[in-house]
N, C-alpha and C. Protein backbone atom coordinates (compact mmCIF):
# COMPACT_ATOMS: atom_id res chain seq x y z
N UNK A 1 85.91 48.95 -22.79
CA UNK A 1 85.99 49.32 -24.18
C UNK A 1 86.29 50.80 -24.36
N UNK A 2 85.66 51.65 -23.56
CA UNK A 2 85.91 53.08 -23.71
C UNK A 2 87.38 53.42 -23.45
N UNK A 3 87.96 52.77 -22.47
CA UNK A 3 89.35 53.06 -22.15
C UNK A 3 90.28 52.54 -23.25
N UNK A 4 90.09 51.31 -23.68
CA UNK A 4 91.01 50.74 -24.66
C UNK A 4 90.82 51.33 -26.05
N UNK A 5 89.59 51.58 -26.46
CA UNK A 5 89.34 52.07 -27.83
C UNK A 5 89.40 53.59 -27.94
N UNK A 6 89.05 54.29 -26.87
CA UNK A 6 88.93 55.74 -26.94
C UNK A 6 89.87 56.49 -25.98
N UNK A 7 90.40 55.79 -25.00
CA UNK A 7 91.19 56.48 -23.98
C UNK A 7 90.32 57.25 -23.01
N UNK A 8 89.04 56.90 -22.94
CA UNK A 8 88.08 57.60 -22.08
C UNK A 8 87.93 56.81 -20.79
N UNK A 9 88.15 57.52 -19.67
CA UNK A 9 88.04 56.85 -18.37
C UNK A 9 86.94 57.45 -17.50
N UNK A 10 86.30 58.51 -17.96
CA UNK A 10 85.25 59.13 -17.16
C UNK A 10 84.30 59.95 -18.00
N UNK A 11 83.25 60.40 -17.36
CA UNK A 11 82.18 61.12 -18.05
C UNK A 11 82.65 62.43 -18.66
N UNK A 12 83.47 63.17 -17.94
CA UNK A 12 83.94 64.46 -18.48
C UNK A 12 84.76 64.25 -19.75
N UNK A 13 85.60 63.24 -19.78
CA UNK A 13 86.36 62.94 -21.00
C UNK A 13 85.44 62.55 -22.14
N UNK A 14 84.40 61.81 -21.83
CA UNK A 14 83.44 61.43 -22.86
C UNK A 14 82.76 62.67 -23.43
N UNK A 15 82.33 63.58 -22.57
CA UNK A 15 81.67 64.80 -23.03
C UNK A 15 82.62 65.65 -23.88
N UNK A 16 83.87 65.71 -23.49
CA UNK A 16 84.86 66.46 -24.29
C UNK A 16 85.04 65.83 -25.66
N UNK A 17 85.03 64.51 -25.71
CA UNK A 17 85.16 63.81 -26.99
C UNK A 17 83.93 64.06 -27.86
N UNK A 18 82.75 64.00 -27.27
CA UNK A 18 81.52 64.28 -28.02
C UNK A 18 81.55 65.72 -28.55
N UNK A 19 81.96 66.65 -27.73
CA UNK A 19 82.06 68.05 -28.15
C UNK A 19 83.03 68.20 -29.32
N UNK A 20 84.17 67.55 -29.24
CA UNK A 20 85.17 67.58 -30.31
C UNK A 20 84.57 67.04 -31.62
N UNK A 21 83.77 65.97 -31.51
CA UNK A 21 83.22 65.32 -32.71
C UNK A 21 81.99 66.01 -33.27
N UNK A 22 81.34 66.87 -32.49
CA UNK A 22 80.11 67.50 -32.97
C UNK A 22 80.24 69.00 -33.20
N UNK A 23 81.09 69.66 -32.44
CA UNK A 23 81.22 71.11 -32.55
C UNK A 23 82.66 71.55 -32.79
N UNK A 24 83.61 70.73 -32.39
CA UNK A 24 85.01 71.08 -32.47
C UNK A 24 85.66 70.65 -33.77
N UNK A 25 86.98 70.61 -33.77
CA UNK A 25 87.74 70.28 -34.98
C UNK A 25 87.42 68.91 -35.57
N UNK A 26 86.98 67.98 -34.74
CA UNK A 26 86.60 66.68 -35.27
C UNK A 26 85.46 66.77 -36.26
N UNK A 27 84.63 67.80 -36.12
CA UNK A 27 83.52 68.00 -37.04
C UNK A 27 83.81 69.13 -38.04
N UNK A 28 84.31 70.24 -37.54
CA UNK A 28 84.49 71.41 -38.42
C UNK A 28 85.56 71.19 -39.48
N UNK A 29 86.46 70.26 -39.26
CA UNK A 29 87.48 69.98 -40.27
C UNK A 29 87.03 68.93 -41.30
N UNK A 30 85.82 68.40 -41.13
CA UNK A 30 85.32 67.40 -42.09
C UNK A 30 85.13 68.05 -43.46
N UNK A 31 85.60 67.36 -44.48
CA UNK A 31 85.48 67.86 -45.83
C UNK A 31 84.37 67.18 -46.61
N UNK A 32 83.93 66.02 -46.15
CA UNK A 32 82.94 65.24 -46.88
C UNK A 32 81.82 64.79 -45.95
N UNK A 33 80.68 64.50 -46.54
CA UNK A 33 79.54 64.03 -45.76
C UNK A 33 79.86 62.74 -45.01
N UNK A 34 80.66 61.87 -45.62
CA UNK A 34 81.02 60.63 -44.95
C UNK A 34 81.74 60.88 -43.63
N UNK A 35 82.62 61.86 -43.63
CA UNK A 35 83.33 62.21 -42.40
C UNK A 35 82.36 62.76 -41.35
N UNK A 36 81.41 63.59 -41.80
CA UNK A 36 80.43 64.14 -40.87
C UNK A 36 79.56 63.03 -40.28
N UNK A 37 79.11 62.12 -41.13
CA UNK A 37 78.28 61.01 -40.65
C UNK A 37 79.06 60.16 -39.65
N UNK A 38 80.32 59.91 -39.94
CA UNK A 38 81.20 59.13 -39.07
C UNK A 38 81.30 59.77 -37.69
N UNK A 39 81.60 61.06 -37.65
CA UNK A 39 81.77 61.76 -36.38
C UNK A 39 80.46 61.81 -35.59
N UNK A 40 79.36 62.16 -36.26
CA UNK A 40 78.09 62.29 -35.56
C UNK A 40 77.57 60.95 -35.07
N UNK A 41 77.76 59.92 -35.86
CA UNK A 41 77.33 58.59 -35.44
C UNK A 41 78.12 58.12 -34.22
N UNK A 42 79.41 58.32 -34.24
CA UNK A 42 80.24 57.91 -33.11
C UNK A 42 79.92 58.72 -31.86
N UNK A 43 79.63 60.01 -32.03
CA UNK A 43 79.25 60.84 -30.87
C UNK A 43 77.96 60.31 -30.24
N UNK A 44 77.00 59.96 -31.09
CA UNK A 44 75.74 59.41 -30.60
C UNK A 44 75.98 58.08 -29.86
N UNK A 45 76.84 57.26 -30.41
CA UNK A 45 77.16 55.98 -29.77
C UNK A 45 77.81 56.19 -28.41
N UNK A 46 78.71 57.15 -28.32
CA UNK A 46 79.36 57.41 -27.03
C UNK A 46 78.34 57.83 -25.98
N UNK A 47 77.38 58.66 -26.36
CA UNK A 47 76.35 59.07 -25.41
C UNK A 47 75.52 57.87 -24.97
N UNK A 48 75.25 56.96 -25.89
CA UNK A 48 74.54 55.74 -25.52
C UNK A 48 75.33 54.90 -24.53
N UNK A 49 76.66 54.84 -24.74
CA UNK A 49 77.51 54.09 -23.81
C UNK A 49 77.48 54.73 -22.43
N UNK A 50 77.48 56.05 -22.38
CA UNK A 50 77.42 56.75 -21.09
C UNK A 50 76.12 56.43 -20.37
N UNK A 51 75.04 56.28 -21.13
CA UNK A 51 73.75 55.94 -20.52
C UNK A 51 73.80 54.53 -19.94
N UNK A 52 74.34 53.60 -20.69
CA UNK A 52 74.45 52.21 -20.22
C UNK A 52 75.31 52.14 -18.96
N UNK A 53 76.37 52.94 -18.92
CA UNK A 53 77.27 52.93 -17.77
C UNK A 53 76.72 53.69 -16.57
N UNK A 54 75.61 54.41 -16.78
CA UNK A 54 75.01 55.16 -15.68
C UNK A 54 75.81 56.38 -15.27
N UNK A 55 76.55 56.95 -16.21
CA UNK A 55 77.41 58.09 -15.90
C UNK A 55 76.64 59.39 -15.71
N UNK A 56 75.42 59.45 -16.16
CA UNK A 56 74.59 60.64 -16.00
C UNK A 56 73.15 60.20 -16.04
N UNK A 57 72.27 61.10 -15.73
CA UNK A 57 70.85 60.75 -15.73
C UNK A 57 70.37 60.50 -17.16
N UNK A 58 69.36 59.69 -17.25
CA UNK A 58 68.75 59.42 -18.55
C UNK A 58 68.31 60.73 -19.20
N UNK A 59 67.70 61.60 -18.43
CA UNK A 59 67.20 62.88 -18.95
C UNK A 59 68.35 63.69 -19.59
N UNK A 60 69.46 63.78 -18.89
CA UNK A 60 70.60 64.55 -19.42
C UNK A 60 71.13 63.92 -20.71
N UNK A 61 71.28 62.61 -20.71
CA UNK A 61 71.85 61.96 -21.88
C UNK A 61 70.89 61.96 -23.07
N UNK A 62 69.59 61.88 -22.81
CA UNK A 62 68.62 62.00 -23.90
C UNK A 62 68.70 63.40 -24.50
N UNK A 63 68.80 64.41 -23.66
CA UNK A 63 68.90 65.79 -24.18
C UNK A 63 70.18 65.97 -25.00
N UNK A 64 71.29 65.46 -24.52
CA UNK A 64 72.54 65.56 -25.28
C UNK A 64 72.43 64.80 -26.61
N UNK A 65 71.80 63.64 -26.56
CA UNK A 65 71.61 62.84 -27.78
C UNK A 65 70.69 63.55 -28.76
N UNK A 66 69.65 64.20 -28.26
CA UNK A 66 68.74 64.95 -29.14
C UNK A 66 69.50 66.04 -29.88
N UNK A 67 70.43 66.70 -29.21
CA UNK A 67 71.22 67.74 -29.89
C UNK A 67 72.02 67.17 -31.05
N UNK A 68 72.64 66.02 -30.80
CA UNK A 68 73.42 65.36 -31.86
C UNK A 68 72.48 64.93 -33.00
N UNK A 69 71.34 64.39 -32.65
CA UNK A 69 70.40 63.91 -33.67
C UNK A 69 69.83 65.07 -34.48
N UNK A 70 69.57 66.21 -33.86
CA UNK A 70 69.13 67.39 -34.62
C UNK A 70 70.22 67.81 -35.60
N UNK A 71 71.45 67.72 -35.18
CA UNK A 71 72.57 68.05 -36.06
C UNK A 71 72.61 67.07 -37.24
N UNK A 72 72.39 65.81 -36.96
CA UNK A 72 72.35 64.80 -38.03
C UNK A 72 71.22 65.14 -39.01
N UNK A 73 70.04 65.43 -38.48
CA UNK A 73 68.92 65.79 -39.36
C UNK A 73 69.25 67.01 -40.22
N UNK A 74 70.01 67.94 -39.68
CA UNK A 74 70.37 69.14 -40.44
C UNK A 74 71.41 68.90 -41.53
N UNK A 75 72.18 67.85 -41.38
CA UNK A 75 73.25 67.55 -42.33
C UNK A 75 72.82 66.58 -43.43
N UNK A 76 71.81 65.76 -43.14
CA UNK A 76 71.41 64.69 -44.05
C UNK A 76 69.90 64.75 -44.25
N UNK A 77 69.41 64.14 -45.34
CA UNK A 77 67.99 64.23 -45.66
C UNK A 77 67.21 62.94 -45.40
N UNK A 78 67.90 61.86 -45.07
CA UNK A 78 67.20 60.59 -44.85
C UNK A 78 68.12 59.61 -44.12
N UNK A 79 67.51 58.54 -43.60
CA UNK A 79 68.31 57.48 -42.99
C UNK A 79 69.30 56.91 -44.00
N UNK A 80 68.82 56.68 -45.23
CA UNK A 80 69.70 56.10 -46.24
C UNK A 80 70.89 57.01 -46.55
N UNK A 81 70.63 58.30 -46.71
CA UNK A 81 71.73 59.21 -47.00
C UNK A 81 72.75 59.22 -45.85
N UNK A 82 72.24 59.28 -44.64
CA UNK A 82 73.11 59.29 -43.47
C UNK A 82 73.93 58.00 -43.39
N UNK A 83 73.24 56.85 -43.50
CA UNK A 83 73.95 55.59 -43.35
C UNK A 83 74.92 55.34 -44.50
N UNK A 84 74.53 55.66 -45.71
CA UNK A 84 75.43 55.45 -46.85
C UNK A 84 76.68 56.33 -46.73
N UNK A 85 76.51 57.55 -46.23
CA UNK A 85 77.67 58.42 -46.01
C UNK A 85 78.58 57.82 -44.93
N UNK A 86 77.96 57.36 -43.84
CA UNK A 86 78.73 56.71 -42.78
C UNK A 86 79.49 55.50 -43.33
N UNK A 87 78.79 54.66 -44.07
CA UNK A 87 79.39 53.45 -44.61
C UNK A 87 80.51 53.77 -45.60
N UNK A 88 80.32 54.81 -46.38
CA UNK A 88 81.36 55.23 -47.32
C UNK A 88 82.65 55.56 -46.55
N UNK A 89 82.51 56.30 -45.48
CA UNK A 89 83.70 56.65 -44.69
C UNK A 89 84.25 55.42 -43.96
N UNK A 90 83.36 54.62 -43.39
CA UNK A 90 83.79 53.41 -42.68
C UNK A 90 84.58 52.49 -43.61
N UNK A 91 84.07 52.26 -44.81
CA UNK A 91 84.76 51.36 -45.74
C UNK A 91 86.08 51.95 -46.20
N UNK A 92 86.14 53.26 -46.38
CA UNK A 92 87.40 53.91 -46.74
C UNK A 92 88.41 53.86 -45.61
N UNK A 93 87.91 53.99 -44.38
CA UNK A 93 88.79 53.95 -43.22
C UNK A 93 89.38 52.56 -43.03
N UNK A 94 88.66 51.54 -43.47
CA UNK A 94 89.14 50.17 -43.31
C UNK A 94 89.86 49.65 -44.54
N UNK A 95 89.78 50.39 -45.63
CA UNK A 95 90.45 49.96 -46.86
C UNK A 95 91.96 50.09 -46.69
N UNK A 96 92.65 49.04 -47.01
CA UNK A 96 94.11 49.10 -46.99
C UNK A 96 94.75 48.90 -45.63
N UNK A 97 93.95 48.62 -44.61
CA UNK A 97 94.54 48.40 -43.30
C UNK A 97 95.25 47.06 -43.24
N UNK A 98 94.96 46.19 -44.19
CA UNK A 98 95.65 44.92 -44.25
C UNK A 98 95.02 43.81 -43.43
N UNK A 99 94.03 44.14 -42.65
CA UNK A 99 93.37 43.10 -41.87
C UNK A 99 92.53 42.23 -42.80
N UNK A 100 92.58 40.93 -42.62
CA UNK A 100 91.85 40.04 -43.53
C UNK A 100 90.34 40.19 -43.47
N UNK A 101 89.81 40.78 -42.41
CA UNK A 101 88.36 40.87 -42.27
C UNK A 101 87.81 42.24 -42.59
N UNK A 102 88.57 43.10 -43.26
CA UNK A 102 88.06 44.43 -43.59
C UNK A 102 86.77 44.36 -44.38
N UNK A 103 86.73 43.53 -45.42
CA UNK A 103 85.53 43.40 -46.22
C UNK A 103 84.40 42.81 -45.39
N UNK A 104 84.74 41.91 -44.51
CA UNK A 104 83.73 41.32 -43.63
C UNK A 104 83.13 42.36 -42.70
N UNK A 105 83.95 43.26 -42.20
CA UNK A 105 83.46 44.31 -41.31
C UNK A 105 82.47 45.22 -42.04
N UNK A 106 82.80 45.58 -43.25
CA UNK A 106 81.90 46.42 -44.05
C UNK A 106 80.62 45.65 -44.36
N UNK A 107 80.75 44.42 -44.80
CA UNK A 107 79.59 43.60 -45.14
C UNK A 107 78.69 43.43 -43.92
N UNK A 108 79.29 43.21 -42.76
CA UNK A 108 78.51 43.06 -41.52
C UNK A 108 77.69 44.31 -41.24
N UNK A 109 78.30 45.48 -41.39
CA UNK A 109 77.57 46.73 -41.15
C UNK A 109 76.43 46.91 -42.13
N UNK A 110 76.67 46.57 -43.39
CA UNK A 110 75.61 46.66 -44.40
C UNK A 110 74.47 45.72 -44.04
N UNK A 111 74.81 44.50 -43.70
CA UNK A 111 73.78 43.52 -43.34
C UNK A 111 72.97 43.98 -42.13
N UNK A 112 73.64 44.49 -41.12
CA UNK A 112 72.95 44.97 -39.92
C UNK A 112 71.98 46.10 -40.27
N UNK A 113 72.44 47.05 -41.09
CA UNK A 113 71.59 48.17 -41.48
C UNK A 113 70.32 47.67 -42.16
N UNK A 114 70.46 46.80 -43.16
CA UNK A 114 69.29 46.34 -43.90
C UNK A 114 68.38 45.48 -43.03
N UNK A 115 68.96 44.72 -42.13
CA UNK A 115 68.14 43.92 -41.22
C UNK A 115 67.33 44.82 -40.30
N UNK A 116 67.96 45.83 -39.73
CA UNK A 116 67.26 46.76 -38.86
C UNK A 116 66.23 47.59 -39.63
N UNK A 117 66.56 47.92 -40.86
CA UNK A 117 65.64 48.73 -41.67
C UNK A 117 64.36 47.96 -42.01
N UNK A 118 64.45 46.65 -42.13
CA UNK A 118 63.29 45.82 -42.45
C UNK A 118 62.33 45.69 -41.26
N UNK A 119 62.85 45.84 -40.07
CA UNK A 119 62.04 45.60 -38.87
C UNK A 119 61.03 46.73 -38.65
N UNK A 120 59.77 46.38 -38.46
CA UNK A 120 58.77 47.43 -38.21
C UNK A 120 58.97 48.13 -36.86
N UNK A 121 59.68 47.47 -35.95
CA UNK A 121 59.95 48.06 -34.64
C UNK A 121 61.41 48.52 -34.51
N UNK A 122 62.13 48.57 -35.61
CA UNK A 122 63.54 48.95 -35.59
C UNK A 122 63.74 50.45 -35.56
N UNK A 123 64.95 50.87 -35.27
CA UNK A 123 65.22 52.31 -35.18
C UNK A 123 64.97 53.06 -36.48
N UNK A 124 65.13 52.40 -37.61
CA UNK A 124 64.95 53.08 -38.89
C UNK A 124 63.49 53.13 -39.32
N UNK A 125 62.59 52.60 -38.48
CA UNK A 125 61.16 52.75 -38.76
C UNK A 125 60.67 54.12 -38.28
N UNK A 126 61.46 54.78 -37.46
CA UNK A 126 61.10 56.13 -37.02
C UNK A 126 61.21 57.09 -38.21
N UNK A 127 60.31 58.04 -38.30
CA UNK A 127 60.41 59.00 -39.41
C UNK A 127 61.69 59.81 -39.29
N UNK A 128 62.33 60.04 -40.40
CA UNK A 128 63.58 60.81 -40.42
C UNK A 128 63.36 62.19 -39.80
N UNK A 129 62.25 62.81 -40.14
CA UNK A 129 61.99 64.19 -39.70
C UNK A 129 61.26 64.25 -38.36
N UNK A 130 61.46 63.24 -37.53
CA UNK A 130 60.87 63.21 -36.20
C UNK A 130 61.19 64.50 -35.45
N UNK A 131 60.19 65.10 -34.83
CA UNK A 131 60.39 66.34 -34.09
C UNK A 131 61.24 66.06 -32.84
N UNK A 132 62.42 66.63 -32.79
CA UNK A 132 63.34 66.41 -31.68
C UNK A 132 63.44 67.64 -30.76
N UNK A 133 62.55 68.58 -30.96
CA UNK A 133 62.61 69.79 -30.14
C UNK A 133 62.13 69.54 -28.72
N UNK A 134 61.18 68.63 -28.57
CA UNK A 134 60.68 68.22 -27.27
C UNK A 134 60.17 69.32 -26.44
């Protein structure tokens, strides 16, 4: 998936992509919160994929993820604000692409968010202002 969707074939390329999306032009050129949420969310996902692939130690990837998450906390005030901004950009990015399932893709993301938010053991049960300084 990383190769076909992102053109990423190794850990260094992944780190460069994360850097581009969090500190580089992929982030600094964002004009709206939705764009920022989109970039930061995808950067976090890429780091998770690197962990699953075993490309670096868990300790290193957790530390890199904490940096991205601190940035997210600094840009947004709550899970809802972050996710709604992400969804706003996601739905705009899929609007007009002509694929018959665009609305389904947006609806699926909304459903997943609310399902996870309801779970007492889900990721959104964590306090937004969780101390990430460690």
